[in-house]
């Protein structure tokens, strides 16, 4: 004979499993690149950053600008 407590009977059964892909915000960039750079180049990148700007934002912006320039 099964014995249930009253609150077990009325409690909803929830079997939700979150995976890494369905949590958080959607990725804007789905492809990752590894870009080996000389230490001097990284120093120049860091020197060109605006206050609070991320290095990756500068790199993405520069790549987009160059691609637009070459398309024209």
N, C-alpha and C. Protein backbone atom coordinates (compact mmCIF):
# COMPACT_ATOMS: atom_id res chain seq x y z
N UNK A 1 0.84 -1.18 0.00
CA UNK A 1 0.00 0.00 0.00
C UNK A 1 0.88 1.25 0.00
N UNK A 2 0.60 2.19 -0.90
CA UNK A 2 1.36 3.43 -0.95
C UNK A 2 0.79 4.42 0.03
N UNK A 3 1.67 5.10 0.69
CA UNK A 3 1.20 6.11 1.64
C UNK A 3 1.69 7.47 1.16
N UNK A 4 0.80 8.40 1.03
CA UNK A 4 1.13 9.75 0.62
C UNK A 4 0.78 10.72 1.72
N UNK A 5 1.61 11.71 1.84
CA UNK A 5 1.23 12.82 2.71
C UNK A 5 0.34 13.74 1.88
N UNK A 6 -0.52 14.44 2.50
CA UNK A 6 -1.49 15.29 1.81
C UNK A 6 -0.80 16.28 0.89
N UNK A 7 0.27 16.92 1.34
CA UNK A 7 0.89 17.93 0.50
C UNK A 7 1.64 17.31 -0.67
N UNK A 8 2.03 16.02 -0.61
CA UNK A 8 2.65 15.36 -1.75
C UNK A 8 1.65 15.14 -2.88
N UNK A 9 0.42 14.89 -2.56
CA UNK A 9 -0.60 14.60 -3.56
C UNK A 9 -0.92 15.86 -4.37
N UNK A 10 -0.96 17.00 -3.73
CA UNK A 10 -1.38 18.22 -4.40
C UNK A 10 -0.22 19.06 -4.93
N UNK A 11 1.00 18.67 -4.65
CA UNK A 11 2.16 19.40 -5.14
C UNK A 11 2.38 19.05 -6.61
N UNK A 12 2.53 20.06 -7.47
CA UNK A 12 2.74 19.77 -8.89
C UNK A 12 4.10 19.10 -9.11
N UNK A 13 4.12 18.18 -10.03
CA UNK A 13 5.36 17.50 -10.37
C UNK A 13 6.06 18.32 -11.44
N UNK A 14 7.28 18.71 -11.15
CA UNK A 14 8.03 19.54 -12.07
C UNK A 14 9.37 18.86 -12.34
N UNK A 15 9.55 18.50 -13.57
CA UNK A 15 10.81 17.88 -13.99
C UNK A 15 11.43 18.74 -15.08
N UNK A 16 11.87 19.91 -14.72
CA UNK A 16 12.47 20.82 -15.69
C UNK A 16 13.98 20.72 -15.54
N UNK A 17 14.62 20.42 -16.63
CA UNK A 17 16.07 20.35 -16.64
C UNK A 17 16.57 21.45 -17.56
N UNK A 18 17.32 22.37 -16.99
CA UNK A 18 17.87 23.46 -17.79
C UNK A 18 19.24 23.05 -18.32
N UNK A 19 19.43 23.27 -19.57
CA UNK A 19 20.74 23.04 -20.15
C UNK A 19 21.40 24.38 -20.38
N UNK A 20 22.67 24.34 -20.67
CA UNK A 20 23.42 25.57 -20.88
C UNK A 20 22.85 26.39 -22.03
N UNK A 21 22.29 25.73 -23.05
CA UNK A 21 21.81 26.44 -24.23
C UNK A 21 20.49 27.17 -24.04
N UNK A 22 19.67 26.76 -23.07
CA UNK A 22 18.37 27.41 -22.94
C UNK A 22 18.33 28.40 -21.78
N UNK A 23 19.45 28.76 -21.26
CA UNK A 23 19.50 29.73 -20.16
C UNK A 23 20.20 31.00 -20.62
N UNK A 24 19.83 32.11 -20.05
CA UNK A 24 20.48 33.37 -20.36
C UNK A 24 20.02 33.97 -21.67
N UNK A 25 20.76 34.96 -22.10
CA UNK A 25 20.37 35.63 -23.35
C UNK A 25 20.95 34.90 -24.54
N UNK A 26 20.36 35.16 -25.70
CA UNK A 26 20.84 34.53 -26.93
C UNK A 26 22.19 35.11 -27.29
N UNK A 27 23.03 34.27 -27.86
CA UNK A 27 24.37 34.71 -28.27
C UNK A 27 24.26 35.56 -29.52
N UNK A 28 25.00 36.65 -29.52
CA UNK A 28 25.05 37.50 -30.70
C UNK A 28 26.08 36.98 -31.69
N UNK A 29 27.13 36.37 -31.17
CA UNK A 29 28.20 35.84 -32.00
C UNK A 29 28.32 34.36 -31.71
N UNK A 30 28.11 33.54 -32.74
CA UNK A 30 28.08 32.10 -32.55
C UNK A 30 29.39 31.42 -32.89
N UNK A 31 30.29 32.10 -33.57
CA UNK A 31 31.56 31.51 -33.96
C UNK A 31 32.68 32.17 -33.17
N UNK A 32 33.55 31.33 -32.63
CA UNK A 32 34.71 31.84 -31.89
C UNK A 32 35.96 31.70 -32.75
N UNK A 33 36.81 32.71 -32.69
CA UNK A 33 38.08 32.69 -33.39
C UNK A 33 39.20 32.88 -32.38
N UNK A 34 40.28 32.16 -32.60
CA UNK A 34 41.47 32.39 -31.80
C UNK A 34 42.42 33.19 -32.67
N UNK A 35 42.86 34.31 -32.17
CA UNK A 35 43.66 35.22 -32.97
C UNK A 35 44.98 35.48 -32.27
N UNK A 36 46.03 34.80 -32.69
CA UNK A 36 47.33 35.06 -32.06
C UNK A 36 47.85 36.43 -32.50
N UNK A 37 48.20 37.25 -31.55
CA UNK A 37 48.71 38.59 -31.83
C UNK A 37 50.02 38.79 -31.09
N UNK A 38 50.86 39.61 -31.67
CA UNK A 38 52.11 39.97 -31.01
C UNK A 38 51.80 40.82 -29.79
N UNK A 39 52.65 40.75 -28.78
CA UNK A 39 52.44 41.52 -27.55
C UNK A 39 52.36 43.01 -27.86
N UNK A 40 53.14 43.47 -28.83
CA UNK A 40 53.12 44.89 -29.20
C UNK A 40 51.76 45.29 -29.78
N UNK A 41 51.17 44.40 -30.55
CA UNK A 41 49.86 44.68 -31.14
C UNK A 41 48.80 44.79 -30.04
N UNK A 42 48.85 43.90 -29.06
CA UNK A 42 47.90 43.95 -27.95
C UNK A 42 48.10 45.24 -27.16
N UNK A 43 49.33 45.65 -26.96
CA UNK A 43 49.60 46.91 -26.27
C UNK A 43 49.02 48.08 -27.04
N UNK A 44 49.15 48.08 -28.36
CA UNK A 44 48.58 49.16 -29.18
C UNK A 44 47.06 49.15 -29.12
N UNK A 45 46.47 47.95 -29.12
CA UNK A 45 45.01 47.85 -28.98
C UNK A 45 44.56 48.45 -27.65
N UNK A 46 45.24 48.06 -26.58
CA UNK A 46 44.87 48.55 -25.26
C UNK A 46 45.04 50.07 -25.15
N UNK A 47 46.06 50.61 -25.82
CA UNK A 47 46.28 52.06 -25.79
C UNK A 47 45.19 52.80 -26.56
N UNK A 48 44.59 52.14 -27.54
CA UNK A 48 43.56 52.79 -28.37
C UNK A 48 42.17 52.70 -27.76
N UNK A 49 42.00 51.93 -26.70
CA UNK A 49 40.68 51.76 -26.10
C UNK A 49 40.17 53.05 -25.47
N UNK A 50 38.88 53.29 -25.66
CA UNK A 50 38.23 54.41 -24.97
C UNK A 50 37.94 53.98 -23.54
N UNK A 51 37.64 54.92 -22.70
CA UNK A 51 37.37 54.62 -21.29
C UNK A 51 36.17 53.67 -21.17
N UNK A 52 36.36 52.52 -20.56
CA UNK A 52 35.29 51.56 -20.37
C UNK A 52 35.03 50.65 -21.56
N UNK A 53 35.74 50.82 -22.65
CA UNK A 53 35.53 50.01 -23.85
C UNK A 53 36.24 48.66 -23.71
N UNK A 54 35.60 47.62 -24.15
CA UNK A 54 36.20 46.28 -24.13
C UNK A 54 37.08 46.10 -25.36
N UNK A 55 38.16 45.37 -25.17
CA UNK A 55 39.08 45.11 -26.28
C UNK A 55 38.36 44.42 -27.43
N UNK A 56 37.48 43.47 -27.12
CA UNK A 56 36.76 42.77 -28.17
C UNK A 56 35.85 43.68 -28.99
N UNK A 57 35.26 44.67 -28.34
CA UNK A 57 34.42 45.62 -29.08
C UNK A 57 35.25 46.39 -30.10
N UNK A 58 36.45 46.79 -29.71
CA UNK A 58 37.33 47.50 -30.64
C UNK A 58 37.71 46.60 -31.81
N UNK A 59 38.03 45.35 -31.54
CA UNK A 59 38.42 44.42 -32.59
C UNK A 59 37.25 44.15 -33.54
N UNK A 60 36.07 43.91 -32.99
CA UNK A 60 34.89 43.66 -33.85
C UNK A 60 34.58 44.87 -34.73
N UNK A 61 34.65 46.06 -34.14
CA UNK A 61 34.38 47.28 -34.89
C UNK A 61 35.39 47.47 -36.01
N UNK A 62 36.66 47.21 -35.73
CA UNK A 62 37.70 47.36 -36.74
C UNK A 62 37.53 46.36 -37.88
N UNK A 63 37.16 45.13 -37.54
CA UNK A 63 36.93 44.12 -38.58
C UNK A 63 35.75 44.53 -39.46
N UNK A 64 34.65 44.94 -38.86
CA UNK A 64 33.48 45.36 -39.64
C UNK A 64 33.82 46.54 -40.54
N UNK A 65 34.55 47.50 -40.02
CA UNK A 65 34.93 48.68 -40.81
C UNK A 65 35.79 48.26 -42.01
N UNK A 66 36.74 47.36 -41.79
CA UNK A 66 37.61 46.91 -42.88
C UNK A 66 36.84 46.11 -43.92
N UNK A 67 35.89 45.28 -43.47
CA UNK A 67 35.09 44.51 -44.42
C UNK A 67 34.23 45.43 -45.28
N UNK A 68 33.65 46.46 -44.69
CA UNK A 68 32.87 47.43 -45.46
C UNK A 68 33.74 48.17 -46.46
N UNK A 69 34.95 48.52 -46.04
CA UNK A 69 35.87 49.25 -46.91
C UNK A 69 36.26 48.38 -48.12
N UNK A 70 36.50 47.11 -47.87
CA UNK A 70 36.92 46.22 -48.96
C UNK A 70 35.76 45.89 -49.91
N UNK A 71 34.55 45.93 -49.41
CA UNK A 71 33.38 45.63 -50.23
C UNK A 71 33.14 46.75 -51.24
N UNK A 72 33.43 47.97 -50.86
CA UNK A 72 33.16 49.14 -51.72
C UNK A 72 34.03 49.18 -52.94
